[in-house]
PDB file of N, CA and C in Angstrom:
ATOM      1  N   MET A   1       0.816  -1.191   0.000  1.00  0.00           N
ATOM      2  CA  MET A   1       0.000   0.000   0.000  1.00  0.00           C
ATOM      3  C   MET A   1       0.864   1.261   0.000  1.00  0.00           C
ATOM      4  N   THR A   2       1.986   1.191   0.703  1.00  0.00           N
ATOM      5  CA  THR A   2       2.881   2.344   0.748  1.00  0.00           C
ATOM      6  C   THR A   2       3.417   2.666  -0.639  1.00  0.00           C
ATOM      7  N   TYR A   3       3.667   1.636  -1.423  1.00  0.00           N
ATOM      8  CA  TYR A   3       4.164   1.832  -2.790  1.00  0.00           C
ATOM      9  C   TYR A   3       3.190   2.669  -3.603  1.00  0.00           C
ATOM     10  N   PHE A   4       1.902   2.344  -3.504  1.00  0.00           N
ATOM     11  CA  PHE A   4       0.901   3.070  -4.269  1.00  0.00           C
ATOM     12  C   PHE A   4       0.758   4.510  -3.763  1.00  0.00           C
ATOM     13  N   ALA A   5       0.856   4.709  -2.465  1.00  0.00           N
ATOM     14  CA  ALA A   5       0.752   6.063  -1.914  1.00  0.00           C
ATOM     15  C   ALA A   5       1.904   6.934  -2.403  1.00  0.00           C
ATOM     16  N   VAL A   6       3.100   6.400  -2.390  1.00  0.00           N
ATOM     17  CA  VAL A   6       4.263   7.155  -2.866  1.00  0.00           C
ATOM     18  C   VAL A   6       4.151   7.400  -4.367  1.00  0.00           C
ATOM     19  N   LEU A   7       3.690   6.424  -5.109  1.00  0.00           N
ATOM     20  CA  LEU A   7       3.529   6.571  -6.551  1.00  0.00           C
ATOM     21  C   LEU A   7       2.512   7.663  -6.885  1.00  0.00           C
ATOM     22  N   ILE A   8       1.424   7.700  -6.126  1.00  0.00           N
ATOM     23  CA  ILE A   8       0.415   8.731  -6.338  1.00  0.00           C
ATOM     24  C   ILE A   8       0.978  10.112  -6.023  1.00  0.00           C
ATOM     25  N   LEU A   9       1.733  10.238  -4.939  1.00  0.00           N
ATOM     26  CA  LEU A   9       2.327  11.527  -4.589  1.00  0.00           C
ATOM     27  C   LEU A   9       3.334  11.988  -5.633  1.00  0.00           C
ATOM     28  N   VAL A  10       4.159  11.066  -6.092  1.00  0.00           N
ATOM     29  CA  VAL A  10       5.162  11.432  -7.095  1.00  0.00           C
ATOM     30  C   VAL A  10       4.502  11.840  -8.403  1.00  0.00           C
ATOM     31  N   ALA A  11       3.507  11.080  -8.828  1.00  0.00           N
ATOM     32  CA  ALA A  11       2.829  11.405 -10.086  1.00  0.00           C
ATOM     33  C   ALA A  11       2.020  12.693  -9.962  1.00  0.00           C
ATOM     34  N   GLY A  12       1.482  12.943  -8.795  1.00  0.00           N
ATOM     35  CA  GLY A  12       0.648  14.122  -8.605  1.00  0.00           C
ATOM     36  C   GLY A  12       1.416  15.403  -8.372  1.00  0.00           C
ATOM     37  N   PHE A  13       2.533  15.327  -7.676  1.00  0.00           N
ATOM     38  CA  PHE A  13       3.280  16.526  -7.343  1.00  0.00           C
ATOM     39  C   PHE A  13       4.556  16.706  -8.147  1.00  0.00           C
ATOM     40  N   GLY A  14       5.036  15.663  -8.793  1.00  0.00           N
ATOM     41  CA  GLY A  14       6.303  15.738  -9.521  1.00  0.00           C
ATOM     42  C   GLY A  14       6.276  16.716 -10.677  1.00  0.00           C
ATOM     43  N   LEU A  15       5.261  16.635 -11.510  1.00  0.00           N
ATOM     44  CA  LEU A  15       5.180  17.519 -12.678  1.00  0.00           C
ATOM     45  C   LEU A  15       4.962  18.975 -12.284  1.00  0.00           C
ATOM     46  N   PRO A  16       4.043  19.287 -11.381  1.00  0.00           N
ATOM     47  CA  PRO A  16       3.900  20.704 -11.010  1.00  0.00           C
ATOM     48  C   PRO A  16       5.169  21.300 -10.407  1.00  0.00           C
ATOM     49  N   ILE A  17       5.879  20.535  -9.606  1.00  0.00           N
ATOM     50  CA  ILE A  17       7.133  21.035  -9.032  1.00  0.00           C
ATOM     51  C   ILE A  17       8.149  21.273 -10.134  1.00  0.00           C
ATOM     52  N   ALA A  18       8.230  20.365 -11.095  1.00  0.00           N
ATOM     53  CA  ALA A  18       9.175  20.545 -12.207  1.00  0.00           C
ATOM     54  C   ALA A  18       8.818  21.763 -13.038  1.00  0.00           C
ATOM     55  N   VAL A  19       7.532  21.978 -13.285  1.00  0.00           N
ATOM     56  CA  VAL A  19       7.103  23.120 -14.098  1.00  0.00           C
ATOM     57  C   VAL A  19       7.363  24.434 -13.361  1.00  0.00           C
ATOM     58  N   LEU A  20       7.053  24.481 -12.077  1.00  0.00           N
ATOM     59  CA  LEU A  20       7.294  25.713 -11.321  1.00  0.00           C
ATOM     60  C   LEU A  20       8.781  26.041 -11.230  1.00  0.00           C
ATOM     61  N   SER A  21       9.605  25.041 -10.967  1.00  0.00           N
ATOM     62  CA  SER A  21      11.040  25.309 -10.888  1.00  0.00           C
ATOM     63  C   SER A  21      11.598  25.719 -12.249  1.00  0.00           C
ATOM     64  N   ALA A  22      11.087  25.145 -13.322  1.00  0.00           N
ATOM     65  CA  ALA A  22      11.540  25.539 -14.658  1.00  0.00           C
ATOM     66  C   ALA A  22      11.110  26.961 -14.982  1.00  0.00           C
ATOM     67  N   ALA A  23       9.901  27.343 -14.581  1.00  0.00           N
ATOM     68  CA  ALA A  23       9.431  28.706 -14.828  1.00  0.00           C
ATOM     69  C   ALA A  23      10.296  29.715 -14.081  1.00  0.00           C
ATOM     70  N   LEU A  24      10.636  29.403 -12.841  1.00  0.00           N
ATOM     71  CA  LEU A  24      11.515  30.297 -12.086  1.00  0.00           C
ATOM     72  C   LEU A  24      12.903  30.374 -12.714  1.00  0.00           C
ATOM     73  N   SER A  25      13.402  29.240 -13.179  1.00  0.00           N
ATOM     74  CA  SER A  25      14.721  29.217 -13.813  1.00  0.00           C
ATOM     75  C   SER A  25      14.728  30.007 -15.113  1.00  0.00           C
ATOM     76  N   GLN A  26      13.673  29.867 -15.899  1.00  0.00           N
ATOM     77  CA  GLN A  26      13.593  30.607 -17.155  1.00  0.00           C
ATOM     78  C   GLN A  26      13.499  32.108 -16.893  1.00  0.00           C
ATOM     79  N   ALA A  27      12.757  32.502 -15.869  1.00  0.00           N
ATOM     80  CA  ALA A  27      12.667  33.916 -15.528  1.00  0.00           C
ATOM     81  C   ALA A  27      14.021  34.460 -15.094  1.00  0.00           C
ATOM     82  N   ARG A  28      14.742  33.660 -14.330  1.00  0.00           N
ATOM     83  CA  ARG A  28      16.070  34.103 -13.881  1.00  0.00           C
ATOM     84  C   ARG A  28      17.046  34.210 -15.052  1.00  0.00           C
ATOM     85  N   VAL A  29      17.020  33.235 -15.951  1.00  0.00           N
ATOM     86  CA  VAL A  29      17.901  33.280 -17.128  1.00  0.00           C
ATOM     87  C   VAL A  29      17.577  34.492 -17.986  1.00  0.00           C
ATOM     88  N   GLY A  30      16.299  34.726 -18.227  1.00  0.00           N
ATOM     89  CA  GLY A  30      15.898  35.874 -19.045  1.00  0.00           C
ATOM     90  C   GLY A  30      16.267  37.202 -18.405  1.00  0.00           C
ATOM     91  N   GLY A  31      16.036  37.324 -17.103  1.00  0.00           N
ATOM     92  CA  GLY A  31      16.386  38.549 -16.395  1.00  0.00           C
ATOM     93  C   GLY A  31      17.879  38.799 -16.385  1.00  0.00           C
ATOM     94  N   SER A  32      18.648  37.743 -16.150  1.00  0.00           N
ATOM     95  CA  SER A  32      20.106  37.889 -16.144  1.00  0.00           C
ATOM     96  C   SER A  32      20.631  38.253 -17.525  1.00  0.00           C
ATOM     97  N   ALA A  33      20.039  37.682 -18.552  1.00  0.00           N
ATOM     98  CA  ALA A  33      20.465  38.016 -19.913  1.00  0.00           C
ATOM     99  C   ALA A  33      20.158  39.472 -20.232  1.00  0.00           C
ATOM    100  N   MET A  34      19.001  39.954 -19.812  1.00  0.00           N
ATOM    101  CA  MET A  34      18.663  41.357 -20.057  1.00  0.00           C
ATOM    102  C   MET A  34      19.598  42.296 -19.306  1.00  0.00           C
ATOM    103  N   GLU A  35      19.961  41.929 -18.070  1.00  0.00           N
ATOM    104  CA  GLU A  35      20.918  42.735 -17.314  1.00  0.00           C
ATOM    105  C   GLU A  35      22.277  42.752 -18.007  1.00  0.00           C
ATOM    106  N   GLY A  36      22.684  41.588 -18.492  1.00  0.00           N
ATOM    107  CA  GLY A  36      23.964  41.507 -19.196  1.00  0.00           C
ATOM    108  C   GLY A  36      23.977  42.337 -20.472  1.00  0.00           C
ATOM    109  N   ILE A  37      22.873  42.320 -21.211  1.00  0.00           N
ATOM    110  CA  ILE A  37      22.779  43.109 -22.444  1.00  0.00           C
ATOM    111  C   ILE A  37      22.761  44.603 -22.101  1.00  0.00           C
ATOM    112  N   ALA A  38      22.101  44.955 -20.994  1.00  0.00           N
ATOM    113  CA  ALA A  38      22.062  46.360 -20.599  1.00  0.00           C
ATOM    114  C   ALA A  38      23.445  46.862 -20.209  1.00  0.00           C
ATOM    115  N   ARG A  39      24.253  46.007 -19.608  1.00  0.00           N
ATOM    116  CA  ARG A  39      25.602  46.418 -19.197  1.00  0.00           C
ATOM    117  C   ARG A  39      26.584  46.428 -20.357  1.00  0.00           C
ATOM    118  N   GLN A  40      26.433  45.479 -21.267  1.00  0.00           N
ATOM    119  CA  GLN A  40      27.350  45.386 -22.407  1.00  0.00           C
ATOM    120  C   GLN A  40      26.536  45.174 -23.684  1.00  0.00           C
ATOM    121  N   PRO A  41      26.012  46.229 -24.261  1.00  0.00           N
ATOM    122  CA  PRO A  41      25.190  46.080 -25.470  1.00  0.00           C
ATOM    123  C   PRO A  41      25.955  45.480 -26.644  1.00  0.00           C
ATOM    124  N   GLU A  42      27.247  45.642 -26.686  1.00  0.00           N
ATOM    125  CA  GLU A  42      28.026  45.097 -27.803  1.00  0.00           C
ATOM    126  C   GLU A  42      28.116  43.570 -27.755  1.00  0.00           C
ATOM    127  N   ALA A  43      27.836  42.976 -26.596  1.00  0.00           N
ATOM    128  CA  ALA A  43      27.883  41.518 -26.464  1.00  0.00           C
ATOM    129  C   ALA A  43      26.482  40.903 -26.539  1.00  0.00           C
ATOM    130  N   ALA A  44      25.518  41.634 -27.047  1.00  0.00           N
ATOM    131  CA  ALA A  44      24.127  41.171 -27.055  1.00  0.00           C
ATOM    132  C   ALA A  44      23.957  39.862 -27.824  1.00  0.00           C
ATOM    133  N   GLY A  45      24.628  39.739 -28.960  1.00  0.00           N
ATOM    134  CA  GLY A  45      24.494  38.513 -29.759  1.00  0.00           C
ATOM    135  C   GLY A  45      24.980  37.278 -29.023  1.00  0.00           C
ATOM    136  N   ARG A  46      26.127  37.372 -28.394  1.00  0.00           N
ATOM    137  CA  ARG A  46      26.666  36.221 -27.655  1.00  0.00           C
ATOM    138  C   ARG A  46      25.810  35.885 -26.441  1.00  0.00           C
ATOM    139  N   ILE A  47      25.306  36.930 -25.779  1.00  0.00           N
ATOM    140  CA  ILE A  47      24.459  36.701 -24.605  1.00  0.00           C
ATOM    141  C   ILE A  47      23.149  36.037 -25.021  1.00  0.00           C
ATOM    142  N   GLN A  48      22.576  36.467 -26.130  1.00  0.00           N
ATOM    143  CA  GLN A  48      21.320  35.873 -26.598  1.00  0.00           C
ATOM    144  C   GLN A  48      21.502  34.411 -26.978  1.00  0.00           C
ATOM    145  N   ILE A  49      22.613  34.089 -27.611  1.00  0.00           N
ATOM    146  CA  ILE A  49      22.864  32.683 -27.981  1.00  0.00           C
ATOM    147  C   ILE A  49      22.989  31.829 -26.732  1.00  0.00           C
ATOM    148  N   ALA A  50      23.740  32.321 -25.743  1.00  0.00           N
ATOM    149  CA  ALA A  50      23.888  31.566 -24.491  1.00  0.00           C
ATOM    150  C   ALA A  50      22.544  31.427 -23.779  1.00  0.00           C
ATOM    151  N   MET A  51      21.729  32.480 -23.837  1.00  0.00           N
ATOM    152  CA  MET A  51      20.419  32.435 -23.197  1.00  0.00           C
ATOM    153  C   MET A  51      19.515  31.408 -23.870  1.00  0.00           C
ATOM    154  N   ILE A  52      19.513  31.375 -25.187  1.00  0.00           N
ATOM    155  CA  ILE A  52      18.671  30.422 -25.914  1.00  0.00           C
ATOM    156  C   ILE A  52      19.096  28.986 -25.634  1.00  0.00           C
ATOM    157  N   ILE A  53      20.387  28.743 -25.566  1.00  0.00           N
ATOM    158  CA  ILE A  53      20.875  27.397 -25.240  1.00  0.00           C
ATOM    159  C   ILE A  53      20.444  27.006 -23.829  1.00  0.00           C
ATOM    160  N   ALA A  54      20.585  27.927 -22.872  1.00  0.00           N
ATOM    161  CA  ALA A  54      20.178  27.638 -21.494  1.00  0.00           C
ATOM    162  C   ALA A  54      18.681  27.378 -21.403  1.00  0.00           C
ATOM    163  N   LEU A  55      17.879  28.167 -22.111  1.00  0.00           N
ATOM    164  CA  LEU A  55      16.430  27.953 -22.096  1.00  0.00           C
ATOM    165  C   LEU A  55      16.064  26.610 -22.725  1.00  0.00           C
ATOM    166  N   GLY A  56      16.795  26.218 -23.744  1.00  0.00           N
ATOM    167  CA  GLY A  56      16.561  24.909 -24.360  1.00  0.00           C
ATOM    168  C   GLY A  56      16.827  23.766 -23.391  1.00  0.00           C
ATOM    169  N   PHE A  57      17.913  23.879 -22.619  1.00  0.00           N
ATOM    170  CA  PHE A  57      18.212  22.839 -21.633  1.00  0.00           C
ATOM    171  C   PHE A  57      17.148  22.791 -20.538  1.00  0.00           C
ATOM    172  N   ILE A  58      16.709  23.949 -20.082  1.00  0.00           N
ATOM    173  CA  ILE A  58      15.676  23.986 -19.048  1.00  0.00           C
ATOM    174  C   ILE A  58      14.379  23.365 -19.571  1.00  0.00           C
ATOM    175  N   GLU A  59      14.011  23.715 -20.791  1.00  0.00           N
ATOM    176  CA  GLU A  59      12.770  23.187 -21.368  1.00  0.00           C
ATOM    177  C   GLU A  59      12.861  21.679 -21.607  1.00  0.00           C
ATOM    178  N   SER A  60      14.030  21.193 -21.961  1.00  0.00           N
ATOM    179  CA  SER A  60      14.180  19.747 -22.166  1.00  0.00           C
ATOM    180  C   SER A  60      13.994  18.985 -20.852  1.00  0.00           C
ATOM    181  N   LEU A  61      14.390  19.578 -19.740  1.00  0.00           N
ATOM    182  CA  LEU A  61      14.163  18.926 -18.452  1.00  0.00           C
ATOM    183  C   LEU A  61      12.675  18.854 -18.122  1.00  0.00           C
ATOM    184  N   VAL A  62      11.919  19.873 -18.492  1.00  0.00           N
ATOM    185  CA  VAL A  62      10.469  19.853 -18.257  1.00  0.00           C
ATOM    186  C   VAL A  62       9.808  18.792 -19.135  1.00  0.00           C
ATOM    187  N   ILE A  63      10.245  18.686 -20.366  1.00  0.00           N
ATOM    188  CA  ILE A  63       9.693  17.659 -21.255  1.00  0.00           C
ATOM    189  C   ILE A  63      10.018  16.268 -20.713  1.00  0.00           C
ATOM    190  N   TYR A  64      11.225  16.085 -20.186  1.00  0.00           N
ATOM    191  CA  TYR A  64      11.600  14.811 -19.573  1.00  0.00           C
ATOM    192  C   TYR A  64      10.701  14.520 -18.373  1.00  0.00           C
ATOM    193  N   ALA A  65      10.412  15.536 -17.549  1.00  0.00           N
ATOM    194  CA  ALA A  65       9.515  15.351 -16.408  1.00  0.00           C
ATOM    195  C   ALA A  65       8.106  14.988 -16.870  1.00  0.00           C
ATOM    196  N   LEU A  66       7.657  15.568 -17.974  1.00  0.00           N
ATOM    197  CA  LEU A  66       6.337  15.236 -18.517  1.00  0.00           C
ATOM    198  C   LEU A  66       6.280  13.784 -18.982  1.00  0.00           C
ATOM    199  N   VAL A  67       7.327  13.335 -19.627  1.00  0.00           N
ATOM    200  CA  VAL A  67       7.385  11.934 -20.062  1.00  0.00           C
ATOM    201  C   VAL A  67       7.365  11.002 -18.855  1.00  0.00           C
ATOM    202  N   MET A  68       8.131  11.345 -17.826  1.00  0.00           N
ATOM    203  CA  MET A  68       8.143  10.517 -16.618  1.00  0.00           C
ATOM    204  C   MET A  68       6.771  10.518 -15.937  1.00  0.00           C
ATOM    205  N   PHE A  69       6.073  11.651 -15.970  1.00  0.00           N
ATOM    206  CA  PHE A  69       4.733  11.732 -15.408  1.00  0.00           C
ATOM    207  C   PHE A  69       3.796  10.755 -16.096  1.00  0.00           C
ATOM    208  N   PHE A  70       3.816  10.724 -17.426  1.00  0.00           N
ATOM    209  CA  PHE A  70       2.940   9.813 -18.155  1.00  0.00           C
ATOM    210  C   PHE A  70       3.334   8.353 -17.916  1.00  0.00           C
ATOM    211  N   MET A  71       4.617   8.095 -17.774  1.00  0.00           N
ATOM    212  CA  MET A  71       5.042   6.720 -17.488  1.00  0.00           C
ATOM    213  C   MET A  71       4.567   6.276 -16.099  1.00  0.00           C
ATOM    214  N   LEU A  72       4.667   7.168 -15.111  1.00  0.00           N
ATOM    215  CA  LEU A  72       4.223   6.819 -13.763  1.00  0.00           C
ATOM    216  C   LEU A  72       2.700   6.731 -13.681  1.00  0.00           C
ATOM    217  N   GLN A  73       2.013   7.588 -14.407  1.00  0.00           N
ATOM    218  CA  GLN A  73       0.563   7.562 -14.375  1.00  0.00           C
ATOM    219  C   GLN A  73       0.028   6.250 -14.947  1.00  0.00           C
ATOM    220  N   GLY A  74       0.708   5.683 -15.905  1.00  0.00           N
ATOM    221  CA  GLY A  74       0.299   4.398 -16.455  1.00  0.00           C
ATOM    222  C   GLY A  74       0.481   3.253 -15.481  1.00  0.00           C
ATOM    223  N   ARG A  75       1.329   3.437 -14.473  1.00  0.00           N
ATOM    224  CA  ARG A  75       1.558   2.383 -13.482  1.00  0.00           C
ATOM    225  C   ARG A  75       0.606   2.472 -12.298  1.00  0.00           C
ATOM    226  N   LEU A  76      -0.194   3.531 -12.218  1.00  0.00           N
ATOM    227  CA  LEU A  76      -1.141   3.663 -11.119  1.00  0.00           C
ATOM    228  C   LEU A  76      -2.264   2.649 -11.268  1.00  0.00           C
ATOM    229  N   PRO A  77      -2.682   2.052 -10.166  1.00  0.00           N
ATOM    230  CA  PRO A  77      -3.791   1.088 -10.250  1.00  0.00           C
ATOM    231  C   PRO A  77      -5.128   1.824 -10.381  1.00  0.00           C
ATOM    232  N   ALA A  78      -6.145   1.087 -10.749  1.00  0.00           N
ATOM    233  CA  ALA A  78      -7.489   1.653 -10.861  1.00  0.00           C
ATOM    234  C   ALA A  78      -8.006   2.014  -9.470  1.00  0.00           C
ATOM    235  N   THR A  79      -8.917   2.955  -9.417  1.00  0.00           N
ATOM    236  CA  THR A  79      -9.457   3.423  -8.141  1.00  0.00           C
ATOM    237  C   THR A  79     -10.139   2.289  -7.387  1.00  0.00           C
ATOM    238  N   GLU A  80     -10.847   1.437  -8.085  1.00  0.00           N
ATOM    239  CA  GLU A  80     -11.543   0.324  -7.433  1.00  0.00           C
ATOM    240  C   GLU A  80     -10.553  -0.609  -6.738  1.00  0.00           C
ATOM    241  N   GLU A  81      -9.419  -0.828  -7.381  1.00  0.00           N
ATOM    242  CA  GLU A  81      -8.403  -1.711  -6.795  1.00  0.00           C
ATOM    243  C   GLU A  81      -7.827  -1.109  -5.519  1.00  0.00           C
ATOM    244  N   ILE A  82      -7.630   0.175  -5.494  1.00  0.00           N
ATOM    245  CA  ILE A  82      -7.102   0.833  -4.293  1.00  0.00           C
ATOM    246  C   ILE A  82      -8.129   0.759  -3.169  1.00  0.00           C
ATOM    247  N   LEU A  83      -9.402   0.992  -3.491  1.00  0.00           N
ATOM    248  CA  LEU A  83     -10.439   0.948  -2.477  1.00  0.00           C
ATOM    249  C   LEU A  83     -10.589  -0.449  -1.865  1.00  0.00           C
ATOM    250  N   LYS A  84     -10.338  -1.492  -2.670  1.00  0.00           N
ATOM    251  CA  LYS A  84     -10.415  -2.857  -2.147  1.00  0.00           C
ATOM    252  C   LYS A  84      -9.296  -3.130  -1.141  1.00  0.00           C
ATOM    253  N   ARG A  85      -8.154  -2.505  -1.323  1.00  0.00           N
ATOM    254  CA  ARG A  85      -6.995  -2.756  -0.462  1.00  0.00           C
ATOM    255  C   ARG A  85      -7.039  -1.973   0.838  1.00  0.00           C
ATOM    256  N   ILE A  86      -7.880  -0.948   0.901  1.00  0.00           N
ATOM    257  CA  ILE A  86      -7.994  -0.157   2.135  1.00  0.00           C
ATOM    258  C   ILE A  86      -8.804  -0.941   3.142  1.00  0.00           C
ATOM    259  N   PRO A  87      -8.280  -1.097   4.368  1.00  0.00           N
ATOM    260  CA  PRO A  87      -9.048  -1.826   5.394  1.00  0.00           C
ATOM    261  C   PRO A  87     -10.366  -1.127   5.685  1.00  0.00           C
ATOM    262  N   GLY A  88     -11.431  -1.878   5.674  1.00  0.00           N
ATOM    263  CA  GLY A  88     -12.759  -1.342   5.944  1.00  0.00           C
ATOM    264  C   GLY A  88     -13.405  -0.690   4.708  1.00  0.00           C
ATOM    265  N   GLY A  89     -12.736  -0.795   3.545  1.00  0.00           N
ATOM    266  CA  GLY A  89     -13.249  -0.129   2.350  1.00  0.00           C
ATOM    267  C   GLY A  89     -13.936  -0.988   1.427  1.00  0.00           C
TER     268      GLY A  89
END
């Protein structure tokens, strides 16, 4: 029963946590890039390329978390099966 409880928590909270942390990371990368461009406008092209690469890596981690979410969701048992395993249910 503990296995199913942990699986439900991971599947339910894993993706939102990954999305929120990625959103914060993307905001920080974008803000830092804008600050860098404001300080050194002549390096804007190099800063933008580095920013796009960083955003791509962050987004790929979110896509990986989404794939893992769907894989874990497929392993969850049906609601009826869980209710049968609960004592008194």
